[in-house]
Amino acid sequence: MREFFLENGMRVEVANDGRVGLARALSNDFDLIVLDVMLPGLDGFEILREIRRRSAVPVIMLTARIEHADRIAGLEAGADDYLPKPFDPDELLARVRAVLRRYIPSGAARQPVVRVGGLEVDSAARTATVGGVRLALTGMEFQILDYLVRAAGRVVSRDQLSTLLYQREATPFERSLDVHVSHLRKKLELPGAPTIKTIRGSGYLLAVGDNE
């Protein structure tokens, strides 16, 4: 499903353990969570209750249990939609898009142009400029910058970027990602541009103003 969503233009983070998934859900800014009921550590209903205590992020629940009572329990606990397994991936994608349309105002799901300091990134045109000066970026560099600028002020993990670029988590000895970031960092050495900071053991942060 991660590969399927990536192929359909979505950024995805996967957790296969309930406690890990809950921690990530509460510490990151996601547009939507697809939550399986059957997870080790904590089951989906427990996770949903904890999420709802602190967040209104949309949640679609998945379960192999198709009893009506389970569906009602999930919806009453705060799920926005519910899909029994096995399911058609296209149906889940349609439900994800439908939920996002309900919760994110038209045009706000992904603003085509984002500005951070003197940096402007246009995802539709695939261009980035600083003070009106266009940056000469490779495709990989643009993808990284586009991701970082939309998470400005928050740490983006190496796994997130590796999944975006290579559809897999980062390996301990993988250096290609670091090379791309290093090249991108040098290209941002312009007045008014934000800086890319390396957060040891965590990932990268696009910092500007008070976050530098």
N, C-alpha and C. Protein backbone atom coordinates (compact mmCIF):
# COMPACT_ATOMS: atom_id res chain seq x y z
N MET A 1 0.83 -1.21 0.00
CA MET A 1 0.00 0.00 0.00
C MET A 1 0.86 1.26 0.00
N ARG A 2 2.03 1.20 0.65
CA ARG A 2 2.92 2.35 0.62
C ARG A 2 3.34 2.64 -0.82
N GLU A 3 3.74 1.61 -1.54
CA GLU A 3 4.15 1.80 -2.93
C GLU A 3 2.99 2.31 -3.77
N PHE A 4 1.80 1.80 -3.52
CA PHE A 4 0.62 2.23 -4.28
C PHE A 4 0.34 3.71 -4.06
N PHE A 5 0.40 4.16 -2.81
CA PHE A 5 0.14 5.57 -2.52
C PHE A 5 1.24 6.47 -3.10
N LEU A 6 2.49 6.01 -3.02
CA LEU A 6 3.58 6.79 -3.59
C LEU A 6 3.40 6.96 -5.09
N GLU A 7 2.96 5.89 -5.74
CA GLU A 7 2.73 5.96 -7.19
C GLU A 7 1.60 6.92 -7.53
N ASN A 8 0.72 7.18 -6.58
CA ASN A 8 -0.40 8.09 -6.80
C ASN A 8 -0.15 9.47 -6.19
N GLY A 9 1.13 9.81 -6.02
CA GLY A 9 1.49 11.17 -5.66
C GLY A 9 1.36 11.54 -4.20
N MET A 10 1.28 10.56 -3.31
CA MET A 10 1.15 10.86 -1.89
C MET A 10 2.43 10.50 -1.14
N ARG A 11 2.70 11.24 -0.10
CA ARG A 11 3.85 10.95 0.75
C ARG A 11 3.36 10.09 1.92
N VAL A 12 4.10 9.04 2.21
CA VAL A 12 3.62 8.04 3.16
C VAL A 12 4.69 7.71 4.18
N GLU A 13 4.27 7.57 5.43
CA GLU A 13 5.14 7.04 6.48
C GLU A 13 4.43 5.83 7.07
N VAL A 14 5.16 4.72 7.23
CA VAL A 14 4.56 3.47 7.68
C VAL A 14 5.11 3.06 9.03
N ALA A 15 4.22 2.62 9.92
CA ALA A 15 4.62 2.02 11.20
C ALA A 15 3.89 0.70 11.34
N ASN A 16 4.61 -0.36 11.70
CA ASN A 16 4.02 -1.70 11.80
C ASN A 16 3.76 -2.12 13.23
N ASP A 17 3.97 -1.23 14.17
CA ASP A 17 3.74 -1.51 15.59
C ASP A 17 2.84 -0.42 16.15
N GLY A 18 1.88 -0.81 16.97
CA GLY A 18 0.91 0.14 17.48
C GLY A 18 1.50 1.28 18.27
N ARG A 19 2.43 0.98 19.16
CA ARG A 19 3.01 2.04 20.00
C ARG A 19 3.86 2.99 19.17
N VAL A 20 4.62 2.45 18.23
CA VAL A 20 5.42 3.30 17.34
C VAL A 20 4.50 4.18 16.50
N GLY A 21 3.45 3.58 15.97
CA GLY A 21 2.51 4.33 15.14
C GLY A 21 1.85 5.46 15.91
N LEU A 22 1.46 5.20 17.14
CA LEU A 22 0.82 6.23 17.96
C LEU A 22 1.79 7.38 18.22
N ALA A 23 3.04 7.05 18.55
CA ALA A 23 4.03 8.10 18.82
C ALA A 23 4.24 8.97 17.58
N ARG A 24 4.34 8.34 16.42
CA ARG A 24 4.53 9.11 15.19
C ARG A 24 3.31 9.95 14.87
N ALA A 25 2.13 9.38 15.09
CA ALA A 25 0.90 10.11 14.78
C ALA A 25 0.78 11.37 15.62
N LEU A 26 1.27 11.31 16.86
CA LEU A 26 1.13 12.45 17.76
C LEU A 26 2.29 13.44 17.66
N SER A 27 3.38 13.04 17.02
CA SER A 27 4.54 13.91 16.97
C SER A 27 4.79 14.50 15.59
N ASN A 28 3.97 14.14 14.61
CA ASN A 28 4.14 14.65 13.25
C ASN A 28 2.84 15.27 12.75
N ASP A 29 2.99 16.08 11.73
CA ASP A 29 1.84 16.79 11.17
C ASP A 29 1.37 16.07 9.91
N PHE A 30 0.46 15.09 10.07
CA PHE A 30 -0.06 14.33 8.95
C PHE A 30 -1.39 14.89 8.48
N ASP A 31 -1.67 14.74 7.19
CA ASP A 31 -2.97 15.14 6.65
C ASP A 31 -4.03 14.09 6.95
N LEU A 32 -3.60 12.82 7.08
CA LEU A 32 -4.56 11.74 7.29
C LEU A 32 -3.82 10.51 7.78
N ILE A 33 -4.51 9.68 8.57
CA ILE A 33 -3.93 8.44 9.07
C ILE A 33 -4.82 7.27 8.63
N VAL A 34 -4.21 6.24 8.03
CA VAL A 34 -4.89 4.98 7.73
C VAL A 34 -4.47 4.03 8.84
N LEU A 35 -5.44 3.57 9.62
CA LEU A 35 -5.15 2.85 10.86
C LEU A 35 -5.73 1.44 10.82
N ASP A 36 -4.84 0.45 10.91
CA ASP A 36 -5.27 -0.95 10.97
C ASP A 36 -5.67 -1.28 12.40
N VAL A 37 -6.74 -2.03 12.56
CA VAL A 37 -7.16 -2.41 13.91
C VAL A 37 -6.20 -3.43 14.50
N MET A 38 -5.77 -4.40 13.70
CA MET A 38 -4.95 -5.50 14.19
C MET A 38 -3.47 -5.15 14.14
N LEU A 39 -2.97 -4.59 15.24
CA LEU A 39 -1.56 -4.21 15.34
C LEU A 39 -0.97 -4.73 16.65
N PRO A 40 0.31 -5.12 16.64
CA PRO A 40 0.96 -5.50 17.90
C PRO A 40 1.20 -4.27 18.77
N GLY A 41 1.30 -4.49 20.06
CA GLY A 41 1.58 -3.39 20.98
C GLY A 41 0.31 -2.72 21.47
N LEU A 42 -0.38 -2.04 20.57
CA LEU A 42 -1.68 -1.42 20.85
C LEU A 42 -2.57 -1.70 19.65
N ASP A 43 -3.83 -2.01 19.90
CA ASP A 43 -4.70 -2.21 18.74
C ASP A 43 -5.23 -0.87 18.24
N GLY A 44 -5.86 -0.91 17.07
CA GLY A 44 -6.30 0.32 16.42
C GLY A 44 -7.28 1.13 17.24
N PHE A 45 -8.16 0.46 17.97
CA PHE A 45 -9.14 1.20 18.77
C PHE A 45 -8.47 1.99 19.89
N GLU A 46 -7.47 1.37 20.54
CA GLU A 46 -6.73 2.07 21.59
C GLU A 46 -5.97 3.27 21.01
N ILE A 47 -5.35 3.04 19.85
CA ILE A 47 -4.60 4.12 19.20
C ILE A 47 -5.53 5.27 18.85
N LEU A 48 -6.68 4.95 18.29
CA LEU A 48 -7.63 5.98 17.88
C LEU A 48 -8.09 6.80 19.08
N ARG A 49 -8.36 6.15 20.19
CA ARG A 49 -8.79 6.89 21.38
C ARG A 49 -7.70 7.85 21.85
N GLU A 50 -6.44 7.41 21.81
CA GLU A 50 -5.34 8.28 22.23
C GLU A 50 -5.16 9.45 21.25
N ILE A 51 -5.28 9.16 19.95
CA ILE A 51 -5.17 10.23 18.96
C ILE A 51 -6.24 11.28 19.18
N ARG A 52 -7.45 10.84 19.41
CA ARG A 52 -8.57 11.77 19.54
C ARG A 52 -8.48 12.63 20.80
N ARG A 53 -7.73 12.19 21.79
CA ARG A 53 -7.54 13.02 22.98
C ARG A 53 -6.70 14.26 22.67
N ARG A 54 -5.89 14.17 21.59
CA ARG A 54 -4.95 15.25 21.31
C ARG A 54 -5.00 15.80 19.90
N SER A 55 -5.72 15.14 19.00
CA SER A 55 -5.65 15.56 17.60
C SER A 55 -6.98 15.30 16.89
N ALA A 56 -7.26 16.16 15.91
CA ALA A 56 -8.44 15.99 15.06
C ALA A 56 -8.08 15.49 13.68
N VAL A 57 -6.84 14.96 13.52
CA VAL A 57 -6.41 14.47 12.21
C VAL A 57 -7.39 13.41 11.69
N PRO A 58 -7.76 13.45 10.42
CA PRO A 58 -8.67 12.45 9.87
C PRO A 58 -8.08 11.04 9.96
N VAL A 59 -8.92 10.05 10.28
CA VAL A 59 -8.48 8.66 10.43
C VAL A 59 -9.42 7.74 9.66
N ILE A 60 -8.85 6.90 8.82
CA ILE A 60 -9.61 5.83 8.16
C ILE A 60 -9.15 4.51 8.78
N MET A 61 -10.08 3.71 9.27
CA MET A 61 -9.73 2.45 9.92
C MET A 61 -9.88 1.29 8.95
N LEU A 62 -8.96 0.32 9.10
CA LEU A 62 -8.99 -0.91 8.34
C LEU A 62 -9.10 -2.08 9.30
N THR A 63 -9.90 -3.08 8.97
CA THR A 63 -9.98 -4.26 9.84
C THR A 63 -10.43 -5.47 9.06
N ALA A 64 -9.98 -6.64 9.53
CA ALA A 64 -10.44 -7.90 8.96
C ALA A 64 -11.75 -8.31 9.59
N ARG A 65 -12.09 -7.65 10.68
CA ARG A 65 -13.35 -7.95 11.35
C ARG A 65 -14.46 -7.10 10.73
N ILE A 66 -15.48 -7.75 10.25
CA ILE A 66 -16.51 -7.02 9.50
C ILE A 66 -17.81 -6.90 10.28
N GLU A 67 -17.79 -7.28 11.57
CA GLU A 67 -19.02 -7.18 12.35
C GLU A 67 -19.49 -5.72 12.42
N HIS A 68 -20.78 -5.55 12.37
CA HIS A 68 -21.36 -4.21 12.41
C HIS A 68 -20.94 -3.49 13.68
N ALA A 69 -20.84 -4.22 14.81
CA ALA A 69 -20.48 -3.60 16.08
C ALA A 69 -19.09 -3.00 16.03
N ASP A 70 -18.16 -3.67 15.33
CA ASP A 70 -16.80 -3.14 15.23
C ASP A 70 -16.79 -1.85 14.43
N ARG A 71 -17.55 -1.82 13.37
CA ARG A 71 -17.61 -0.62 12.54
C ARG A 71 -18.16 0.56 13.34
N ILE A 72 -19.24 0.30 14.07
CA ILE A 72 -19.85 1.35 14.89
C ILE A 72 -18.88 1.81 15.97
N ALA A 73 -18.16 0.85 16.59
CA ALA A 73 -17.22 1.19 17.65
C ALA A 73 -16.12 2.10 17.10
N GLY A 74 -15.64 1.80 15.90
CA GLY A 74 -14.60 2.63 15.31
C GLY A 74 -15.09 4.02 15.01
N LEU A 75 -16.27 4.13 14.44
CA LEU A 75 -16.82 5.44 14.10
C LEU A 75 -17.13 6.25 15.36
N GLU A 76 -17.65 5.58 16.37
CA GLU A 76 -17.95 6.29 17.61
C GLU A 76 -16.68 6.74 18.33
N ALA A 77 -15.60 5.99 18.14
CA ALA A 77 -14.32 6.37 18.77
C ALA A 77 -13.67 7.53 18.05
N GLY A 78 -14.20 7.89 16.89
CA GLY A 78 -13.68 9.06 16.20
C GLY A 78 -13.12 8.82 14.81
N ALA A 79 -13.30 7.60 14.25
CA ALA A 79 -12.83 7.35 12.90
C ALA A 79 -13.68 8.13 11.90
N ASP A 80 -13.07 8.58 10.83
CA ASP A 80 -13.79 9.33 9.81
C ASP A 80 -14.35 8.42 8.73
N ASP A 81 -13.77 7.24 8.58
CA ASP A 81 -14.27 6.26 7.63
C ASP A 81 -13.76 4.90 8.07
N TYR A 82 -14.31 3.83 7.48
CA TYR A 82 -14.04 2.48 7.94
C TYR A 82 -14.09 1.56 6.74
N LEU A 83 -13.06 0.74 6.53
CA LEU A 83 -13.02 -0.15 5.37
C LEU A 83 -12.60 -1.54 5.81
N PRO A 84 -13.41 -2.57 5.54
CA PRO A 84 -13.04 -3.93 5.92
C PRO A 84 -12.04 -4.53 4.94
N LYS A 85 -11.19 -5.43 5.44
CA LYS A 85 -10.24 -6.16 4.60
C LYS A 85 -10.85 -7.52 4.22
N PRO A 86 -10.52 -8.05 3.06
CA PRO A 86 -9.66 -7.46 2.02
C PRO A 86 -10.39 -6.32 1.29
N PHE A 87 -9.61 -5.39 0.76
CA PHE A 87 -10.22 -4.25 0.08
C PHE A 87 -9.46 -3.98 -1.21
N ASP A 88 -10.09 -3.25 -2.10
CA ASP A 88 -9.46 -2.85 -3.35
C ASP A 88 -8.64 -1.59 -3.08
N PRO A 89 -7.34 -1.55 -3.42
CA PRO A 89 -6.52 -0.37 -3.18
C PRO A 89 -7.13 0.90 -3.77
N ASP A 90 -7.78 0.79 -4.94
CA ASP A 90 -8.38 1.97 -5.55
C ASP A 90 -9.53 2.51 -4.70
N GLU A 91 -10.23 1.60 -4.02
CA GLU A 91 -11.31 2.07 -3.15
C GLU A 91 -10.74 2.82 -1.94
N LEU A 92 -9.66 2.29 -1.37
CA LEU A 92 -9.05 3.00 -0.25
C LEU A 92 -8.54 4.37 -0.68
N LEU A 93 -7.91 4.43 -1.84
CA LEU A 93 -7.42 5.71 -2.36
C LEU A 93 -8.57 6.69 -2.54
N ALA A 94 -9.70 6.20 -3.07
CA ALA A 94 -10.86 7.07 -3.26
C ALA A 94 -11.39 7.59 -1.93
N ARG A 95 -11.38 6.73 -0.91
CA ARG A 95 -11.85 7.15 0.40
C ARG A 95 -10.89 8.16 1.03
N VAL A 96 -9.60 7.94 0.85
CA VAL A 96 -8.60 8.90 1.36
C VAL A 96 -8.84 10.27 0.74
N ARG A 97 -9.00 10.30 -0.58
CA ARG A 97 -9.22 11.58 -1.26
C ARG A 97 -10.52 12.23 -0.82
N ALA A 98 -11.55 11.41 -0.61
CA ALA A 98 -12.84 11.96 -0.19
C ALA A 98 -12.74 12.57 1.20
N VAL A 99 -12.05 11.89 2.11
CA VAL A 99 -11.90 12.41 3.46
C VAL A 99 -11.08 13.70 3.45
N LEU A 100 -10.02 13.72 2.66
CA LEU A 100 -9.20 14.93 2.58
C LEU A 100 -9.99 16.11 2.02
N ARG A 101 -10.85 15.83 1.05
CA ARG A 101 -11.67 16.93 0.50
C ARG A 101 -12.60 17.50 1.57
N ARG A 102 -13.06 16.65 2.46
CA ARG A 102 -13.96 17.12 3.52
C ARG A 102 -13.24 17.95 4.56
N TYR A 103 -12.00 17.57 4.85
CA TYR A 103 -11.28 18.19 5.96
C TYR A 103 -10.35 19.31 5.56
N ILE A 104 -9.91 19.34 4.31
CA ILE A 104 -8.97 20.37 3.87
C ILE A 104 -9.66 21.24 2.84
N PRO A 105 -9.78 22.54 3.09
CA PRO A 105 -10.45 23.42 2.14
C PRO A 105 -9.85 23.32 0.75
N SER A 106 -10.67 23.53 -0.26
CA SER A 106 -10.22 23.46 -1.64
C SER A 106 -9.01 24.36 -1.86
N GLY A 107 -7.96 23.76 -2.45
CA GLY A 107 -6.75 24.52 -2.74
C GLY A 107 -5.76 24.53 -1.59
N ALA A 108 -6.16 24.00 -0.41
CA ALA A 108 -5.25 24.03 0.72
C ALA A 108 -4.59 22.69 0.98
N ALA A 109 -5.06 21.62 0.31
CA ALA A 109 -4.47 20.31 0.54
C ALA A 109 -2.99 20.33 0.21
N ARG A 110 -2.66 21.05 -0.85
CA ARG A 110 -1.26 21.20 -1.22
C ARG A 110 -1.11 22.50 -1.99
N GLN A 111 -0.75 23.55 -1.28
CA GLN A 111 -0.58 24.83 -1.93
C GLN A 111 0.50 24.71 -3.00
N PRO A 112 0.22 25.11 -4.25
CA PRO A 112 1.22 24.96 -5.30
C PRO A 112 2.47 25.81 -5.05
N VAL A 113 2.29 26.98 -4.40
CA VAL A 113 3.43 27.86 -4.14
C VAL A 113 3.57 28.05 -2.63
N VAL A 114 4.77 27.77 -2.13
CA VAL A 114 5.04 27.93 -0.69
C VAL A 114 6.25 28.84 -0.55
N ARG A 115 6.16 29.78 0.40
CA ARG A 115 7.26 30.72 0.64
C ARG A 115 7.78 30.57 2.06
N VAL A 116 9.07 30.49 2.19
CA VAL A 116 9.74 30.46 3.50
C VAL A 116 10.88 31.44 3.42
N GLY A 117 10.78 32.53 4.17
CA GLY A 117 11.78 33.58 4.05
C GLY A 117 11.80 34.12 2.63
N GLY A 118 12.97 34.19 2.05
CA GLY A 118 13.08 34.66 0.67
C GLY A 118 12.98 33.56 -0.36
N LEU A 119 12.70 32.34 0.09
CA LEU A 119 12.59 31.19 -0.81
C LEU A 119 11.15 30.98 -1.24
N GLU A 120 10.95 30.76 -2.53
CA GLU A 120 9.62 30.45 -3.06
C GLU A 120 9.72 29.17 -3.87
N VAL A 121 8.88 28.20 -3.53
CA VAL A 121 8.86 26.91 -4.22
C VAL A 121 7.50 26.71 -4.88
N ASP A 122 7.51 26.45 -6.17
CA ASP A 122 6.29 26.23 -6.95
C ASP A 122 6.28 24.77 -7.39
N SER A 123 5.45 23.96 -6.74
CA SER A 123 5.44 22.54 -7.05
C SER A 123 4.86 22.24 -8.42
N ALA A 124 3.93 23.07 -8.88
CA ALA A 124 3.32 22.84 -10.19
C ALA A 124 4.33 23.09 -11.30
N ALA A 125 5.06 24.20 -11.19
CA ALA A 125 6.07 24.53 -12.21
C ALA A 125 7.41 23.86 -11.94
N ARG A 126 7.54 23.27 -10.74
CA ARG A 126 8.78 22.62 -10.31
C ARG A 126 9.95 23.60 -10.38
N THR A 127 9.72 24.78 -9.80
CA THR A 127 10.77 25.80 -9.76
C THR A 127 10.95 26.28 -8.33
N ALA A 128 12.15 26.74 -8.03
CA ALA A 128 12.46 27.33 -6.74
C ALA A 128 13.28 28.58 -6.97
N THR A 129 12.91 29.68 -6.32
CA THR A 129 13.63 30.94 -6.48
C THR A 129 13.93 31.53 -5.12
N VAL A 130 15.02 32.28 -5.06
CA VAL A 130 15.39 33.03 -3.86
C VAL A 130 15.59 34.47 -4.29
N GLY A 131 14.74 35.36 -3.78
CA GLY A 131 14.81 36.76 -4.17
C GLY A 131 14.67 36.96 -5.66
N GLY A 132 13.87 36.11 -6.30
CA GLY A 132 13.65 36.21 -7.73
C GLY A 132 14.70 35.50 -8.57
N VAL A 133 15.73 34.96 -7.92
CA VAL A 133 16.78 34.23 -8.64
C VAL A 133 16.43 32.74 -8.64
N ARG A 134 16.30 32.19 -9.83
CA ARG A 134 15.92 30.78 -9.94
C ARG A 134 17.10 29.87 -9.61
N LEU A 135 16.84 28.86 -8.78
CA LEU A 135 17.87 27.90 -8.41
C LEU A 135 17.95 26.80 -9.46
N ALA A 136 19.17 26.43 -9.81
CA ALA A 136 19.38 25.34 -10.77
C ALA A 136 19.43 24.04 -9.99
N LEU A 137 18.28 23.36 -9.91
CA LEU A 137 18.17 22.15 -9.10
C LEU A 137 17.97 20.92 -9.97
N THR A 138 18.54 19.81 -9.53
CA THR A 138 18.24 18.53 -10.16
C THR A 138 16.85 18.08 -9.70
N GLY A 139 16.32 17.05 -10.34
CA GLY A 139 15.01 16.53 -9.94
C GLY A 139 15.00 16.08 -8.49
N MET A 140 16.05 15.37 -8.06
CA MET A 140 16.14 14.91 -6.68
C MET A 140 16.20 16.08 -5.72
N GLU A 141 17.02 17.08 -6.05
CA GLU A 141 17.16 18.23 -5.17
C GLU A 141 15.84 18.97 -5.03
N PHE A 142 15.09 19.10 -6.14
CA PHE A 142 13.81 19.78 -6.04
C PHE A 142 12.85 19.01 -5.14
N GLN A 143 12.81 17.69 -5.28
CA GLN A 143 11.92 16.88 -4.45
C GLN A 143 12.24 17.06 -2.97
N ILE A 144 13.54 17.05 -2.66
CA ILE A 144 13.95 17.22 -1.27
C ILE A 144 13.54 18.60 -0.76
N LEU A 145 13.83 19.63 -1.54
CA LEU A 145 13.51 21.00 -1.12
C LEU A 145 12.00 21.19 -0.97
N ASP A 146 11.24 20.66 -1.92
CA ASP A 146 9.79 20.78 -1.86
C ASP A 146 9.25 20.14 -0.58
N TYR A 147 9.80 18.99 -0.22
CA TYR A 147 9.38 18.30 1.00
C TYR A 147 9.76 19.12 2.23
N LEU A 148 11.01 19.60 2.26
CA LEU A 148 11.47 20.33 3.43
C LEU A 148 10.74 21.65 3.63
N VAL A 149 10.45 22.35 2.53
CA VAL A 149 9.81 23.66 2.66
C VAL A 149 8.38 23.52 3.19
N ARG A 150 7.73 22.41 2.88
CA ARG A 150 6.36 22.18 3.37
C ARG A 150 6.36 21.69 4.81
N ALA A 151 7.54 21.33 5.30
CA ALA A 151 7.68 20.94 6.71
C ALA A 151 8.59 21.91 7.44
N ALA A 152 8.70 23.14 6.93
CA ALA A 152 9.62 24.13 7.50
C ALA A 152 9.42 24.27 9.00
N GLY A 153 10.52 24.24 9.74
CA GLY A 153 10.46 24.34 11.20
C GLY A 153 10.30 23.02 11.90
N ARG A 154 10.08 21.92 11.13
CA ARG A 154 9.96 20.59 11.71
C ARG A 154 11.07 19.69 11.16
N VAL A 155 11.49 18.75 11.97
CA VAL A 155 12.53 17.81 11.53
C VAL A 155 11.92 16.78 10.59
N VAL A 156 12.58 16.56 9.46
CA VAL A 156 12.21 15.53 8.50
C VAL A 156 13.27 14.43 8.59
N SER A 157 12.84 13.21 8.84
CA SER A 157 13.80 12.12 9.02
C SER A 157 14.42 11.68 7.71
N ARG A 158 15.57 11.04 7.81
CA ARG A 158 16.21 10.49 6.63
C ARG A 158 15.34 9.41 6.01
N ASP A 159 14.61 8.66 6.85
CA ASP A 159 13.71 7.63 6.33
C ASP A 159 12.61 8.25 5.48
N GLN A 160 12.07 9.39 5.92
CA GLN A 160 11.02 10.06 5.15
C GLN A 160 11.54 10.48 3.77
N LEU A 161 12.72 11.06 3.74
CA LEU A 161 13.28 11.51 2.47
C LEU A 161 13.67 10.32 1.60
N SER A 162 14.20 9.27 2.22
CA SER A 162 14.59 8.09 1.44
C SER A 162 13.36 7.43 0.84
N THR A 163 12.27 7.39 1.59
CA THR A 163 11.03 6.83 1.06
C THR A 163 10.52 7.65 -0.11
N LEU A 164 10.61 8.97 0.04
CA LEU A 164 10.19 9.86 -1.04
C LEU A 164 11.00 9.62 -2.31
N LEU A 165 12.32 9.49 -2.17
CA LEU A 165 13.21 9.41 -3.33
C LEU A 165 13.39 7.99 -3.87
N TYR A 166 13.48 7.03 -2.93
CA TYR A 166 13.85 5.67 -3.34
C TYR A 166 12.81 4.62 -2.99
N GLN A 167 11.69 5.04 -2.38
CA GLN A 167 10.62 4.12 -1.99
C GLN A 167 11.11 3.06 -1.00
N ARG A 168 12.03 3.43 -0.15
CA ARG A 168 12.52 2.54 0.91
C ARG A 168 13.12 3.40 2.02
N GLU A 169 13.24 2.79 3.20
CA GLU A 169 13.84 3.51 4.31
C GLU A 169 15.35 3.62 4.10
N ALA A 170 15.95 4.60 4.74
CA ALA A 170 17.39 4.83 4.60
C ALA A 170 18.17 3.70 5.27
N THR A 171 19.31 3.34 4.68
CA THR A 171 20.20 2.35 5.27
C THR A 171 21.34 3.08 5.97
N PRO A 172 21.96 2.45 6.98
CA PRO A 172 23.00 3.14 7.76
C PRO A 172 24.16 3.65 6.92
N PHE A 173 24.47 2.97 5.83
CA PHE A 173 25.64 3.35 5.04
C PHE A 173 25.26 4.05 3.74
N GLU A 174 23.99 4.42 3.59
CA GLU A 174 23.53 5.11 2.39
C GLU A 174 23.98 6.56 2.42
N ARG A 175 24.80 6.96 1.45
CA ARG A 175 25.32 8.30 1.45
C ARG A 175 24.73 9.18 0.35
N SER A 176 24.01 8.59 -0.61
CA SER A 176 23.52 9.39 -1.74
C SER A 176 22.57 10.49 -1.28
N LEU A 177 21.73 10.20 -0.29
CA LEU A 177 20.81 11.20 0.22
C LEU A 177 21.59 12.38 0.82
N ASP A 178 22.63 12.08 1.58
CA ASP A 178 23.44 13.14 2.19
C ASP A 178 24.12 14.00 1.13
N VAL A 179 24.52 13.37 0.03
CA VAL A 179 25.16 14.13 -1.05
C VAL A 179 24.16 15.10 -1.67
N HIS A 180 22.95 14.63 -1.93
CA HIS A 180 21.92 15.51 -2.50
C HIS A 180 21.64 16.69 -1.57
N VAL A 181 21.53 16.41 -0.28
CA VAL A 181 21.25 17.47 0.69
C VAL A 181 22.42 18.45 0.74
N SER A 182 23.65 17.94 0.69
CA SER A 182 24.83 18.80 0.71
C SER A 182 24.84 19.74 -0.48
N HIS A 183 24.55 19.22 -1.67
CA HIS A 183 24.50 20.06 -2.87
C HIS A 183 23.40 21.11 -2.76
N LEU A 184 22.25 20.67 -2.25
CA LEU A 184 21.13 21.59 -2.10
C LEU A 184 21.45 22.69 -1.10
N ARG A 185 22.12 22.33 -0.03
CA ARG A 185 22.48 23.31 1.00
C ARG A 185 23.37 24.41 0.41
N LYS A 186 24.31 24.02 -0.44
CA LYS A 186 25.20 25.00 -1.06
C LYS A 186 24.44 25.93 -1.99
N LYS A 187 23.45 25.39 -2.70
CA LYS A 187 22.69 26.22 -3.63
C LYS A 187 21.78 27.21 -2.90
N LEU A 188 21.54 26.97 -1.63
CA LEU A 188 20.71 27.88 -0.84
C LEU A 188 21.54 28.95 -0.13
N GLU A 189 22.82 29.01 -0.41
CA GLU A 189 23.69 30.01 0.22
C GLU A 189 23.52 31.36 -0.47
N LEU A 190 22.30 31.91 -0.33
CA LEU A 190 21.96 33.19 -0.93
C LEU A 190 21.27 34.04 0.13
N PRO A 191 21.40 35.37 0.06
CA PRO A 191 20.73 36.25 1.03
C PRO A 191 19.23 36.00 1.06
N GLY A 192 18.70 35.83 2.26
CA GLY A 192 17.26 35.65 2.42
C GLY A 192 16.80 34.22 2.37
N ALA A 193 17.68 33.29 1.97
CA ALA A 193 17.29 31.89 1.87
C ALA A 193 17.34 31.20 3.23
N PRO A 194 16.44 30.27 3.50
CA PRO A 194 16.53 29.49 4.73
C PRO A 194 17.72 28.54 4.63
N THR A 195 18.09 27.95 5.73
CA THR A 195 19.21 27.02 5.76
C THR A 195 18.72 25.62 6.11
N ILE A 196 19.43 24.62 5.61
CA ILE A 196 19.12 23.23 5.94
C ILE A 196 20.06 22.79 7.05
N LYS A 197 19.49 22.49 8.20
CA LYS A 197 20.30 22.06 9.34
C LYS A 197 20.22 20.54 9.47
N THR A 198 21.34 19.92 9.78
CA THR A 198 21.36 18.49 10.07
C THR A 198 21.15 18.30 11.56
N ILE A 199 20.10 17.56 11.91
CA ILE A 199 19.80 17.27 13.31
C ILE A 199 20.33 15.88 13.59
N ARG A 200 21.42 15.79 14.30
CA ARG A 200 22.10 14.52 14.50
C ARG A 200 21.17 13.45 15.07
N GLY A 201 21.13 12.33 14.41
CA GLY A 201 20.32 11.21 14.87
C GLY A 201 18.85 11.33 14.51
N SER A 202 18.45 12.45 13.88
CA SER A 202 17.04 12.64 13.57
C SER A 202 16.79 12.87 12.09
N GLY A 203 17.48 13.82 11.48
CA GLY A 203 17.24 14.11 10.09
C GLY A 203 17.64 15.52 9.72
N TYR A 204 16.76 16.21 9.01
CA TYR A 204 17.06 17.56 8.51
C TYR A 204 15.93 18.52 8.87
N LEU A 205 16.31 19.78 9.00
CA LEU A 205 15.36 20.83 9.36
C LEU A 205 15.60 22.04 8.48
N LEU A 206 14.55 22.53 7.82
CA LEU A 206 14.66 23.78 7.08
C LEU A 206 14.38 24.91 8.07
N ALA A 207 15.42 25.69 8.35
CA ALA A 207 15.32 26.69 9.41
C ALA A 207 15.34 28.08 8.82
N VAL A 208 14.52 28.95 9.38
CA VAL A 208 14.47 30.34 8.95
C VAL A 208 14.12 31.20 10.14
N GLY A 209 14.66 32.40 10.19
CA GLY A 209 14.30 33.32 11.29
C GLY A 209 14.68 32.77 12.64
N ASP A 210 13.67 32.71 13.54
CA ASP A 210 13.92 32.29 14.91
C ASP A 210 14.31 30.82 15.02
N ASN A 211 14.06 30.03 13.94
CA ASN A 211 14.39 28.62 14.00
C ASN A 211 15.84 28.33 13.65
N GLU A 212 16.58 29.33 13.19
CA GLU A 212 17.96 29.10 12.75
C GLU A 212 18.86 28.82 13.94
